[in-house]
Amino acid sequence: MSFKGKVVIVTGASSGIGAATARQLAAAGADLVAVGRNQNHLNQVAMDCATLGKMPLLVVADLTKKDDVKRVIDNTINQYGKLDVLINCAGFGSLAYFDTEDAMKDFDRTMDLNLRAVVNLTHAAEPHLAATKGNVVNVSSVAAINNMAAEWPNLWSYCVAKAGVDQFTRCIAWVLAPKEIRVNSVNPGPVRTRFLENVGCKDIEQQCLEKLAGHTVLNRVSEPEEVADVIVFLASDKAKGVTGASWLVDNGYDLC
């Protein structure tokens, strides 16, 4: 699949699925805008992309801030003059149990990045996507479909946020269809990324991954590149008939 001449924003590009997606798009010839919060990690991904294709435009941003969202779009248009694809990959999980004092604080943080930032950035990108008849790919989770809180009750707010991403995807696919903008989501299951480290589980990361693998019918966790394969397909012209869809990449987690 070629993305030559296509301008693509990838959020969460400094690690994990976002970084893998940025690398694949660079190799496919895209003009990339790599967005992340960690400058050092983003620089490393940028060097990888430059080796595979072109050096991306880097934007260090906190997508929970309105001004940063505007800056992402403005920098993209100033640099490339258009936008063809938006890939909303930035996100994180919270481990606050519902009956704790910090529950609502963590809920707000989780919703701000995992859902509100997706809505806000898509809204800001919409006029430019309409001009190119472009598309949006949202990175959701199997947690949007499978009640992971039954096994992991401290992930309740993450499950709610990702369910919101799926519903937003379906609603906005309908709303934007007259403008020929496609909107889809990808729903990964267990993936070997920094997710567990970022939620404070680094010391027991391997045990958690083994437990998660045991909840899949294929008894495995995915690598970020496997999810990136699906994201890149949905973002490409190969998927021109696909919109409003949620694609599971979960090794059969939802079947268990």
C-alpha atoms as a PDB file:
ATOM      1  CA  MET A   1       0.000   0.000   0.000  1.00  0.00           C
ATOM      2  CA  SER A   2       1.375   3.374  -0.986  1.00  0.00           C
ATOM      3  CA  PHE A   3       0.805   6.581   0.942  1.00  0.00           C
ATOM      4  CA  LYS A   4       2.948   8.666  -1.372  1.00  0.00           C
ATOM      5  CA  GLY A   5       1.556  12.196  -1.451  1.00  0.00           C
ATOM      6  CA  LYS A   6      -0.638  11.559   1.606  1.00  0.00           C
ATOM      7  CA  VAL A   7      -0.324  13.666   4.745  1.00  0.00           C
ATOM      8  CA  VAL A   8      -0.977  11.667   7.906  1.00  0.00           C
ATOM      9  CA  ILE A   9      -1.149  12.706  11.557  1.00  0.00           C
ATOM     10  CA  VAL A  10      -0.345   9.955  14.073  1.00  0.00           C
ATOM     11  CA  THR A  11      -0.896  10.779  17.740  1.00  0.00           C
ATOM     12  CA  GLY A  12       0.712   8.700  20.452  1.00  0.00           C
ATOM     13  CA  ALA A  13       3.590   8.267  18.007  1.00  0.00           C
ATOM     14  CA  SER A  14       6.336   8.211  20.626  1.00  0.00           C
ATOM     15  CA  SER A  15       5.811   4.555  21.599  1.00  0.00           C
ATOM     16  CA  GLY A  16       3.874   1.338  21.148  1.00  0.00           C
ATOM     17  CA  ILE A  17       1.174   1.078  18.498  1.00  0.00           C
ATOM     18  CA  GLY A  18       1.527   4.729  17.479  1.00  0.00           C
ATOM     19  CA  ALA A  19       5.265   4.377  16.894  1.00  0.00           C
ATOM     20  CA  ALA A  20       4.804   1.151  14.913  1.00  0.00           C
ATOM     21  CA  THR A  21       2.121   2.836  12.802  1.00  0.00           C
ATOM     22  CA  ALA A  22       4.358   5.844  12.123  1.00  0.00           C
ATOM     23  CA  ARG A  23       7.177   3.570  10.962  1.00  0.00           C
ATOM     24  CA  GLN A  24       4.923   1.627   8.597  1.00  0.00           C
ATOM     25  CA  LEU A  25       3.470   4.803   7.118  1.00  0.00           C
ATOM     26  CA  ALA A  26       6.949   6.261   6.646  1.00  0.00           C
ATOM     27  CA  ALA A  27       7.985   3.131   4.786  1.00  0.00           C
ATOM     28  CA  ALA A  28       4.870   3.520   2.608  1.00  0.00           C
ATOM     29  CA  GLY A  29       5.915   7.036   1.590  1.00  0.00           C
ATOM     30  CA  ALA A  30       3.604   9.176   3.759  1.00  0.00           C
ATOM     31  CA  ASP A  31       4.310  12.745   4.792  1.00  0.00           C
ATOM     32  CA  LEU A  32       4.010  12.242   8.524  1.00  0.00           C
ATOM     33  CA  VAL A  33       3.142  14.401  11.493  1.00  0.00           C
ATOM     34  CA  ALA A  34       4.231  12.478  14.592  1.00  0.00           C
ATOM     35  CA  VAL A  35       2.597  13.726  17.786  1.00  0.00           C
ATOM     36  CA  GLY A  36       3.612  12.692  21.286  1.00  0.00           C
ATOM     37  CA  ARG A  37       4.376  13.918  24.793  1.00  0.00           C
ATOM     38  CA  ASN A  38       7.856  12.445  25.242  1.00  0.00           C
ATOM     39  CA  GLN A  39      10.383  14.398  23.177  1.00  0.00           C
ATOM     40  CA  ASN A  40      13.187  11.834  23.508  1.00  0.00           C
ATOM     41  CA  HIS A  41      11.027   8.897  22.457  1.00  0.00           C
ATOM     42  CA  LEU A  42       9.532  10.959  19.643  1.00  0.00           C
ATOM     43  CA  ASN A  43      13.015  11.838  18.367  1.00  0.00           C
ATOM     44  CA  GLN A  44      13.953   8.155  18.220  1.00  0.00           C
ATOM     45  CA  VAL A  45      10.820   7.268  16.278  1.00  0.00           C
ATOM     46  CA  ALA A  46      11.536  10.173  13.923  1.00  0.00           C
ATOM     47  CA  MET A  47      15.003   8.788  13.158  1.00  0.00           C
ATOM     48  CA  ASP A  48      13.478   5.371  12.454  1.00  0.00           C
ATOM     49  CA  CYS A  49      10.959   6.982  10.095  1.00  0.00           C
ATOM     50  CA  ALA A  50      13.681   8.959   8.325  1.00  0.00           C
ATOM     51  CA  THR A  51      15.601   5.739   7.712  1.00  0.00           C
ATOM     52  CA  LEU A  52      12.495   4.082   6.259  1.00  0.00           C
ATOM     53  CA  GLY A  53      11.169   7.075   4.349  1.00  0.00           C
ATOM     54  CA  LYS A  54      11.004  10.786   5.161  1.00  0.00           C
ATOM     55  CA  MET A  55      11.738  12.689   8.341  1.00  0.00           C
ATOM     56  CA  PRO A  56       8.357  13.453   9.949  1.00  0.00           C
ATOM     57  CA  LEU A  57       7.195  16.749  11.344  1.00  0.00           C
ATOM     58  CA  LEU A  58       7.345  16.384  15.127  1.00  0.00           C
ATOM     59  CA  VAL A  59       4.824  18.016  17.437  1.00  0.00           C
ATOM     60  CA  VAL A  60       5.259  17.639  21.182  1.00  0.00           C
ATOM     61  CA  ALA A  61       1.769  18.159  22.566  1.00  0.00           C
ATOM     62  CA  ASP A  62      -0.629  17.426  25.391  1.00  0.00           C
ATOM     63  CA  LEU A  63      -3.841  16.620  23.535  1.00  0.00           C
ATOM     64  CA  THR A  64      -5.976  17.323  26.581  1.00  0.00           C
ATOM     65  CA  LYS A  65      -5.174  21.020  25.984  1.00  0.00           C
ATOM     66  CA  LYS A  66      -7.214  22.914  23.390  1.00  0.00           C
ATOM     67  CA  ASP A  67      -4.290  25.093  22.297  1.00  0.00           C
ATOM     68  CA  ASP A  68      -2.104  22.036  21.709  1.00  0.00           C
ATOM     69  CA  VAL A  69      -4.792  20.409  19.566  1.00  0.00           C
ATOM     70  CA  LYS A  70      -5.022  23.576  17.465  1.00  0.00           C
ATOM     71  CA  ARG A  71      -1.229  23.672  17.160  1.00  0.00           C
ATOM     72  CA  VAL A  72      -1.138  20.110  15.809  1.00  0.00           C
ATOM     73  CA  ILE A  73      -3.538  21.014  12.997  1.00  0.00           C
ATOM     74  CA  ASP A  74      -2.004  24.417  12.305  1.00  0.00           C
ATOM     75  CA  ASN A  75       1.534  23.006  12.110  1.00  0.00           C
ATOM     76  CA  THR A  76       0.354  20.264   9.768  1.00  0.00           C
ATOM     77  CA  ILE A  77      -1.339  22.655   7.347  1.00  0.00           C
ATOM     78  CA  ASN A  78       1.532  25.158   7.513  1.00  0.00           C
ATOM     79  CA  GLN A  79       4.035  22.410   6.686  1.00  0.00           C
ATOM     80  CA  TYR A  80       2.139  20.341   4.122  1.00  0.00           C
ATOM     81  CA  GLY A  81      -0.869  22.406   3.043  1.00  0.00           C
ATOM     82  CA  LYS A  82      -3.397  19.623   3.564  1.00  0.00           C
ATOM     83  CA  LEU A  83      -4.418  16.606   5.660  1.00  0.00           C
ATOM     84  CA  ASP A  84      -5.459  13.200   4.325  1.00  0.00           C
ATOM     85  CA  VAL A  85      -5.540  10.915   7.363  1.00  0.00           C
ATOM     86  CA  LEU A  86      -5.875  11.356  11.118  1.00  0.00           C
ATOM     87  CA  ILE A  87      -4.875   8.435  13.330  1.00  0.00           C
ATOM     88  CA  ASN A  88      -5.927   8.939  16.952  1.00  0.00           C
ATOM     89  CA  CYS A  89      -3.654   6.597  18.880  1.00  0.00           C
ATOM     90  CA  ALA A  90      -2.781   8.547  22.035  1.00  0.00           C
ATOM     91  CA  GLY A  91      -4.204   7.077  25.209  1.00  0.00           C
ATOM     92  CA  PHE A  92      -3.471   5.650  28.629  1.00  0.00           C
ATOM     93  CA  GLY A  93      -5.063   3.578  31.358  1.00  0.00           C
ATOM     94  CA  SER A  94      -5.854   4.311  34.976  1.00  0.00           C
ATOM     95  CA  LEU A  95      -5.794   1.846  37.855  1.00  0.00           C
ATOM     96  CA  ALA A  96      -8.069   3.672  40.291  1.00  0.00           C
ATOM     97  CA  TYR A  97     -10.737   1.481  41.849  1.00  0.00           C
ATOM     98  CA  PHE A  98     -14.251   2.921  41.808  1.00  0.00           C
ATOM     99  CA  ASP A  99     -14.596   3.000  45.589  1.00  0.00           C
ATOM    100  CA  THR A 100     -11.445   5.071  46.174  1.00  0.00           C
ATOM    101  CA  GLU A 101     -11.204   8.786  46.849  1.00  0.00           C
ATOM    102  CA  ASP A 102      -9.339   9.450  43.585  1.00  0.00           C
ATOM    103  CA  ALA A 103     -11.857   7.618  41.392  1.00  0.00           C
ATOM    104  CA  MET A 104     -13.433  10.675  39.791  1.00  0.00           C
ATOM    105  CA  LYS A 105     -10.124  12.469  39.367  1.00  0.00           C
ATOM    106  CA  ASP A 106      -8.711   9.471  37.497  1.00  0.00           C
ATOM    107  CA  PHE A 107     -11.959   9.087  35.539  1.00  0.00           C
ATOM    108  CA  ASP A 108     -11.667  12.674  34.292  1.00  0.00           C
ATOM    109  CA  ARG A 109      -8.025  12.164  33.285  1.00  0.00           C
ATOM    110  CA  THR A 110      -8.852   8.944  31.473  1.00  0.00           C
ATOM    111  CA  MET A 111     -11.785  10.449  29.592  1.00  0.00           C
ATOM    112  CA  ASP A 112      -9.845  13.603  28.705  1.00  0.00           C
ATOM    113  CA  LEU A 113      -7.134  11.795  26.747  1.00  0.00           C
ATOM    114  CA  ASN A 114      -8.834   8.595  25.623  1.00  0.00           C
ATOM    115  CA  LEU A 115     -12.111  10.149  24.459  1.00  0.00           C
ATOM    116  CA  ARG A 116     -12.333  13.935  24.619  1.00  0.00           C
ATOM    117  CA  ALA A 117      -8.981  14.444  22.860  1.00  0.00           C
ATOM    118  CA  VAL A 118     -10.104  12.096  20.069  1.00  0.00           C
ATOM    119  CA  VAL A 119     -13.311  14.085  19.592  1.00  0.00           C
ATOM    120  CA  ASN A 120     -11.528  17.434  19.805  1.00  0.00           C
ATOM    121  CA  LEU A 121      -8.780  16.582  17.312  1.00  0.00           C
ATOM    122  CA  THR A 122     -11.226  15.003  14.877  1.00  0.00           C
ATOM    123  CA  HIS A 123     -13.398  18.105  15.071  1.00  0.00           C
ATOM    124  CA  ALA A 124     -10.402  20.353  14.382  1.00  0.00           C
ATOM    125  CA  ALA A 125      -9.253  18.167  11.476  1.00  0.00           C
ATOM    126  CA  GLU A 126     -12.677  17.789   9.828  1.00  0.00           C
ATOM    127  CA  PRO A 127     -12.547  20.769   7.416  1.00  0.00           C
ATOM    128  CA  HIS A 128      -9.183  19.630   6.082  1.00  0.00           C
ATOM    129  CA  LEU A 129     -10.274  16.004   5.778  1.00  0.00           C
ATOM    130  CA  ALA A 130     -13.379  17.146   3.908  1.00  0.00           C
ATOM    131  CA  ALA A 131     -11.162  18.938   1.386  1.00  0.00           C
ATOM    132  CA  THR A 132      -9.196  15.748   0.645  1.00  0.00           C
ATOM    133  CA  LYS A 133     -12.014  13.222   1.201  1.00  0.00           C
ATOM    134  CA  GLY A 134      -9.786  11.743   3.833  1.00  0.00           C
ATOM    135  CA  ASN A 135     -10.343   9.402   6.742  1.00  0.00           C
ATOM    136  CA  VAL A 136      -9.926   8.874  10.483  1.00  0.00           C
ATOM    137  CA  VAL A 137      -8.743   5.772  12.332  1.00  0.00           C
ATOM    138  CA  ASN A 138      -9.330   5.719  16.090  1.00  0.00           C
ATOM    139  CA  VAL A 139      -7.415   3.282  18.260  1.00  0.00           C
ATOM    140  CA  SER A 140      -9.907   1.840  20.710  1.00  0.00           C
ATOM    141  CA  SER A 141      -9.614  -1.450  22.620  1.00  0.00           C
ATOM    142  CA  VAL A 142     -11.223  -4.816  23.141  1.00  0.00           C
ATOM    143  CA  ALA A 143     -12.130  -3.226  26.495  1.00  0.00           C
ATOM    144  CA  ALA A 144     -14.799  -1.273  24.610  1.00  0.00           C
ATOM    145  CA  ILE A 145     -16.574  -4.526  23.760  1.00  0.00           C
ATOM    146  CA  ASN A 146     -15.563  -7.037  26.403  1.00  0.00           C
ATOM    147  CA  ASN A 147     -16.222  -6.129  30.032  1.00  0.00           C
ATOM    148  CA  MET A 148     -12.596  -6.361  31.131  1.00  0.00           C
ATOM    149  CA  ALA A 149     -13.622  -4.768  34.418  1.00  0.00           C
ATOM    150  CA  ALA A 150     -15.050  -8.137  35.426  1.00  0.00           C
ATOM    151  CA  GLU A 151     -11.459  -9.409  35.617  1.00  0.00           C
ATOM    152  CA  TRP A 152      -9.654  -6.090  36.075  1.00  0.00           C
ATOM    153  CA  PRO A 153     -12.049  -3.884  38.124  1.00  0.00           C
ATOM    154  CA  ASN A 154      -9.517  -1.057  38.345  1.00  0.00           C
ATOM    155  CA  LEU A 155      -9.747  -0.592  34.546  1.00  0.00           C
ATOM    156  CA  TRP A 156     -13.413   0.435  34.694  1.00  0.00           C
ATOM    157  CA  SER A 157     -12.807   4.022  33.533  1.00  0.00           C
ATOM    158  CA  TYR A 158     -10.609   2.853  30.644  1.00  0.00           C
ATOM    159  CA  CYS A 159     -13.379   0.491  29.501  1.00  0.00           C
ATOM    160  CA  VAL A 160     -15.931   3.328  29.610  1.00  0.00           C
ATOM    161  CA  ALA A 161     -13.656   5.690  27.666  1.00  0.00           C
ATOM    162  CA  LYS A 162     -12.926   3.152  24.942  1.00  0.00           C
ATOM    163  CA  ALA A 163     -16.620   2.276  24.606  1.00  0.00           C
ATOM    164  CA  GLY A 164     -17.113   5.986  24.003  1.00  0.00           C
ATOM    165  CA  VAL A 165     -14.474   5.915  21.257  1.00  0.00           C
ATOM    166  CA  ASP A 166     -16.340   3.126  19.471  1.00  0.00           C
ATOM    167  CA  GLN A 167     -19.675   4.914  19.687  1.00  0.00           C
ATOM    168  CA  PHE A 168     -18.080   8.183  18.571  1.00  0.00           C
ATOM    169  CA  THR A 169     -16.606   6.309  15.601  1.00  0.00           C
ATOM    170  CA  ARG A 170     -20.013   4.993  14.542  1.00  0.00           C
ATOM    171  CA  CYS A 171     -21.824   8.310  15.073  1.00  0.00           C
ATOM    172  CA  ILE A 172     -19.265  10.436  13.255  1.00  0.00           C
ATOM    173  CA  ALA A 173     -18.912   7.939  10.410  1.00  0.00           C
ATOM    174  CA  TRP A 174     -22.599   8.613   9.749  1.00  0.00           C
ATOM    175  CA  VAL A 175     -22.320  12.373  10.210  1.00  0.00           C
ATOM    176  CA  LEU A 176     -19.270  12.735   7.950  1.00  0.00           C
ATOM    177  CA  ALA A 177     -20.277  10.269   5.238  1.00  0.00           C
ATOM    178  CA  PRO A 178     -21.885  12.995   3.060  1.00  0.00           C
ATOM    179  CA  LYS A 179     -18.456  14.666   2.982  1.00  0.00           C
ATOM    180  CA  GLU A 180     -16.891  11.339   1.938  1.00  0.00           C
ATOM    181  CA  ILE A 181     -14.837  11.123   5.131  1.00  0.00           C
ATOM    182  CA  ARG A 182     -14.481   7.567   6.411  1.00  0.00           C
ATOM    183  CA  VAL A 183     -14.143   6.906  10.168  1.00  0.00           C
ATOM    184  CA  ASN A 184     -13.172   3.548  11.671  1.00  0.00           C
ATOM    185  CA  SER A 185     -11.690   2.156  14.858  1.00  0.00           C
ATOM    186  CA  VAL A 186      -9.212  -0.611  15.623  1.00  0.00           C
ATOM    187  CA  ASN A 187      -9.744  -2.557  18.854  1.00  0.00           C
ATOM    188  CA  PRO A 188      -6.565  -4.246  20.077  1.00  0.00           C
ATOM    189  CA  GLY A 189      -6.506  -6.883  22.750  1.00  0.00           C
ATOM    190  CA  PRO A 190      -3.340  -7.525  24.781  1.00  0.00           C
ATOM    191  CA  VAL A 191      -0.331  -5.886  23.093  1.00  0.00           C
ATOM    192  CA  ARG A 192       3.308  -5.762  24.154  1.00  0.00           C
ATOM    193  CA  THR A 193       3.692  -1.996  24.694  1.00  0.00           C
ATOM    194  CA  ARG A 194       4.505   0.406  27.528  1.00  0.00           C
ATOM    195  CA  PHE A 195       0.848   0.402  28.596  1.00  0.00           C
ATOM    196  CA  LEU A 196       1.417  -1.729  31.691  1.00  0.00           C
ATOM    197  CA  GLU A 197       4.577   0.179  32.586  1.00  0.00           C
ATOM    198  CA  ASN A 198       2.734   3.486  32.262  1.00  0.00           C
ATOM    199  CA  VAL A 199      -0.012   2.396  34.654  1.00  0.00           C
ATOM    200  CA  GLY A 200       2.541   1.350  37.249  1.00  0.00           C
ATOM    201  CA  CYS A 201       2.778  -2.395  36.597  1.00  0.00           C
ATOM    202  CA  LYS A 202       6.361  -2.589  35.316  1.00  0.00           C
ATOM    203  CA  ASP A 203       7.455  -4.941  38.121  1.00  0.00           C
ATOM    204  CA  ILE A 204       4.752  -7.472  37.272  1.00  0.00           C
ATOM    205  CA  GLU A 205       4.537  -6.761  33.534  1.00  0.00           C
ATOM    206  CA  GLN A 206       5.520 -10.271  32.415  1.00  0.00           C
ATOM    207  CA  GLN A 207       3.044 -11.913  34.778  1.00  0.00           C
ATOM    208  CA  CYS A 208       0.283  -9.595  33.552  1.00  0.00           C
ATOM    209  CA  LEU A 209       1.061 -10.351  29.902  1.00  0.00           C
ATOM    210  CA  GLU A 210       1.028 -14.092  30.596  1.00  0.00           C
ATOM    211  CA  LYS A 211      -2.319 -13.757  32.353  1.00  0.00           C
ATOM    212  CA  LEU A 212      -3.738 -11.700  29.474  1.00  0.00           C
ATOM    213  CA  ALA A 213      -2.452 -14.227  26.933  1.00  0.00           C
ATOM    214  CA  GLY A 214      -4.278 -16.937  28.860  1.00  0.00           C
ATOM    215  CA  HIS A 215      -7.528 -15.042  28.268  1.00  0.00           C
ATOM    216  CA  THR A 216      -7.171 -15.310  24.475  1.00  0.00           C
ATOM    217  CA  VAL A 217      -8.093 -18.309  22.360  1.00  0.00           C
ATOM    218  CA  LEU A 218      -4.717 -18.064  20.575  1.00  0.00           C
ATOM    219  CA  ASN A 219      -2.877 -17.904  23.920  1.00  0.00           C
ATOM    220  CA  ARG A 220      -0.700 -14.978  22.896  1.00  0.00           C
ATOM    221  CA  VAL A 221      -0.318 -11.216  23.009  1.00  0.00           C
ATOM    222  CA  SER A 222       0.215  -9.123  19.897  1.00  0.00           C
ATOM    223  CA  GLU A 223       3.189  -7.041  18.896  1.00  0.00           C
ATOM    224  CA  PRO A 224       2.478  -3.372  18.054  1.00  0.00           C
ATOM    225  CA  GLU A 225       3.282  -3.993  14.389  1.00  0.00           C
ATOM    226  CA  GLU A 226       0.332  -6.395  14.076  1.00  0.00           C
ATOM    227  CA  VAL A 227      -2.097  -3.680  15.137  1.00  0.00           C
ATOM    228  CA  ALA A 228      -0.339  -1.148  12.921  1.00  0.00           C
ATOM    229  CA  ASP A 229      -0.959  -3.470   9.950  1.00  0.00           C
ATOM    230  CA  VAL A 230      -4.716  -3.112  10.445  1.00  0.00           C
ATOM    231  CA  ILE A 231      -4.561   0.632  11.101  1.00  0.00           C
ATOM    232  CA  VAL A 232      -2.594   1.226   7.909  1.00  0.00           C
ATOM    233  CA  PHE A 233      -5.015  -0.925   5.906  1.00  0.00           C
ATOM    234  CA  LEU A 234      -8.054   1.000   7.187  1.00  0.00           C
ATOM    235  CA  ALA A 235      -6.302   4.299   6.461  1.00  0.00           C
ATOM    236  CA  SER A 236      -5.511   3.238   2.899  1.00  0.00           C
ATOM    237  CA  ASP A 237      -7.531   3.272  -0.310  1.00  0.00           C
ATOM    238  CA  LYS A 238      -7.751  -0.519   0.013  1.00  0.00           C
ATOM    239  CA  ALA A 239     -10.465   0.093   2.642  1.00  0.00           C
ATOM    240  CA  LYS A 240     -12.424   2.701   0.683  1.00  0.00           C
ATOM    241  CA  GLY A 241     -15.677   0.802   1.336  1.00  0.00           C
ATOM    242  CA  VAL A 242     -15.141   0.521   5.107  1.00  0.00           C
ATOM    243  CA  THR A 243     -16.587   3.091   7.499  1.00  0.00           C
ATOM    244  CA  GLY A 244     -18.174   2.996  10.943  1.00  0.00           C
ATOM    245  CA  ALA A 245     -16.430  -0.301  11.667  1.00  0.00           C
ATOM    246  CA  SER A 246     -14.617  -1.536  14.769  1.00  0.00           C
ATOM    247  CA  TRP A 247     -11.927  -4.080  13.867  1.00  0.00           C
ATOM    248  CA  LEU A 248     -10.840  -6.455  16.623  1.00  0.00           C
ATOM    249  CA  VAL A 249      -7.160  -7.425  16.749  1.00  0.00           C
ATOM    250  CA  ASP A 250      -7.367  -9.335  20.000  1.00  0.00           C
ATOM    251  CA  ASN A 251      -6.171 -12.918  19.438  1.00  0.00           C
ATOM    252  CA  GLY A 252      -9.700 -14.003  20.292  1.00  0.00           C
ATOM    253  CA  TYR A 253      -9.837 -12.268  23.691  1.00  0.00           C
ATOM    254  CA  ASP A 254     -13.485 -11.363  23.130  1.00  0.00           C
ATOM    255  CA  LEU A 255     -14.360 -15.023  22.488  1.00  0.00           C
ATOM    256  CA  CYS A 256     -13.342 -16.083  25.980  1.00  0.00           C
END
